[in-house]
Amino acid sequence: MHDPAEPVGWASALVVLGGPALFLAGHAAYQLALGDTGVVARVAATLLLLALSPAAVALRAPIALAAGMALLITVGVIVADRGSARRAPQSRGPRSPLR
């Protein structure tokens, strides 16, 4: 991964797209353990990142493009969280320290 223009291989797809997918899936599981039901954006983003992995390898996309897509998807989850936090009433249950 020393060259960002290098085509994505399975190892680089695992790092660039699988890493954020693993983080989002883990955080969704953590939120569910706390009783929070607002995990739809994280689950959708995880599935999207996992679907992009074989597509990026098959299309021989540059690593920088795959990393940029992972960044955009992760930022989309952040934006969705901020929007839902403004609309939702404050709960009295435990709150994730990651918010």
Protein backbone atom coordinates (compact mmCIF):
# COMPACT_ATOMS: atom_id res chain seq x y z
CA MET A 1 0.00 0.00 0.00
CA HIS A 2 2.95 2.28 -0.54
CA ASP A 3 1.43 3.56 -3.80
CA PRO A 4 -2.12 5.04 -3.54
CA ALA A 5 -2.63 4.60 -7.29
CA GLU A 6 -1.98 0.86 -7.03
CA PRO A 7 -5.06 -1.27 -7.76
CA VAL A 8 -6.88 -2.70 -4.77
CA GLY A 9 -6.02 -6.30 -4.00
CA TRP A 10 -7.70 -8.56 -1.46
CA ALA A 11 -5.23 -7.62 1.29
CA SER A 12 -5.60 -3.89 0.75
CA ALA A 13 -9.40 -4.21 0.45
CA LEU A 14 -9.41 -6.01 3.79
CA VAL A 15 -7.51 -3.13 5.39
CA VAL A 16 -9.07 -0.15 3.63
CA LEU A 17 -12.70 -1.29 3.49
CA GLY A 18 -12.84 -4.16 5.97
CA GLY A 19 -11.29 -2.15 8.81
CA PRO A 20 -13.99 0.54 8.86
CA ALA A 21 -16.66 -2.15 8.37
CA LEU A 22 -15.36 -4.03 11.41
CA PHE A 23 -15.32 -0.83 13.49
CA LEU A 24 -18.88 0.12 12.50
CA ALA A 25 -20.18 -3.42 13.13
CA GLY A 26 -18.50 -3.51 16.53
CA HIS A 27 -19.88 -0.13 17.49
CA ALA A 28 -23.38 -1.18 16.37
CA ALA A 29 -23.11 -4.29 18.57
CA TYR A 30 -21.93 -2.14 21.48
CA GLN A 31 -24.87 0.22 21.05
CA LEU A 32 -27.29 -2.70 20.95
CA ALA A 33 -25.75 -4.04 24.17
CA LEU A 34 -26.48 -0.65 25.75
CA GLY A 35 -30.08 -0.84 24.57
CA ASP A 36 -29.76 1.81 21.87
CA THR A 37 -31.86 1.03 18.81
CA GLY A 38 -30.31 3.62 16.48
CA VAL A 39 -27.89 1.30 14.72
CA VAL A 40 -29.46 1.22 11.26
CA ALA A 41 -26.90 3.61 9.72
CA ARG A 42 -23.98 1.59 11.08
CA VAL A 43 -25.37 -1.73 9.87
CA ALA A 44 -26.15 -0.29 6.43
CA ALA A 45 -22.68 1.24 6.18
CA THR A 46 -21.09 -2.06 7.23
CA LEU A 47 -22.97 -3.95 4.53
CA LEU A 48 -22.10 -1.31 1.94
CA LEU A 49 -18.39 -1.45 2.81
CA LEU A 50 -18.42 -5.24 2.65
CA ALA A 51 -20.16 -5.12 -0.74
CA LEU A 52 -17.63 -2.61 -2.06
CA SER A 53 -14.68 -4.87 -1.24
CA PRO A 54 -15.13 -7.45 -4.03
CA ALA A 55 -16.32 -4.73 -6.42
CA ALA A 56 -13.17 -2.67 -5.83
CA VAL A 57 -10.96 -5.72 -6.40
CA ALA A 58 -12.84 -6.76 -9.54
CA LEU A 59 -12.74 -3.25 -10.99
CA ARG A 60 -9.07 -2.82 -9.99
CA ALA A 61 -9.91 0.53 -8.39
CA PRO A 62 -7.02 2.54 -6.97
CA ILE A 63 -6.43 2.19 -3.23
CA ALA A 64 -6.93 5.94 -2.79
CA LEU A 65 -10.41 5.67 -4.34
CA ALA A 66 -11.37 2.80 -2.04
CA ALA A 67 -10.08 4.72 0.98
CA GLY A 68 -12.02 7.79 -0.13
CA MET A 69 -15.21 5.74 -0.43
CA ALA A 70 -14.67 4.33 3.06
CA LEU A 71 -14.18 7.87 4.36
CA LEU A 72 -17.37 9.14 2.69
CA ILE A 73 -19.42 6.26 4.05
CA THR A 74 -18.06 6.78 7.57
CA VAL A 75 -18.77 10.52 7.40
CA GLY A 76 -22.29 9.65 6.22
CA VAL A 77 -22.80 7.62 9.40
CA ILE A 78 -21.60 10.57 11.49
CA VAL A 79 -23.99 12.94 9.72
CA ALA A 80 -26.88 10.48 10.15
CA ASP A 81 -26.06 10.16 13.87
CA ARG A 82 -26.00 13.91 14.36
CA GLY A 83 -29.33 14.29 12.58
CA SER A 84 -31.01 11.56 14.59
CA ALA A 85 -29.58 12.89 17.87
CA ARG A 86 -31.19 16.27 17.22
CA ARG A 87 -34.59 14.72 16.44
CA ALA A 88 -34.66 12.11 19.20
CA PRO A 89 -35.69 12.97 22.76
CA GLN A 90 -33.02 12.50 25.40
CA SER A 91 -33.16 9.06 26.99
CA ARG A 92 -32.35 8.37 30.61
CA GLY A 93 -30.59 5.04 29.88
CA PRO A 94 -26.87 4.45 29.66
CA ARG A 95 -25.08 6.51 27.07
CA SER A 96 -22.22 5.42 24.88
CA PRO A 97 -18.93 7.14 25.78
CA LEU A 98 -18.19 7.26 22.04
CA ARG A 99 -20.81 9.96 21.42
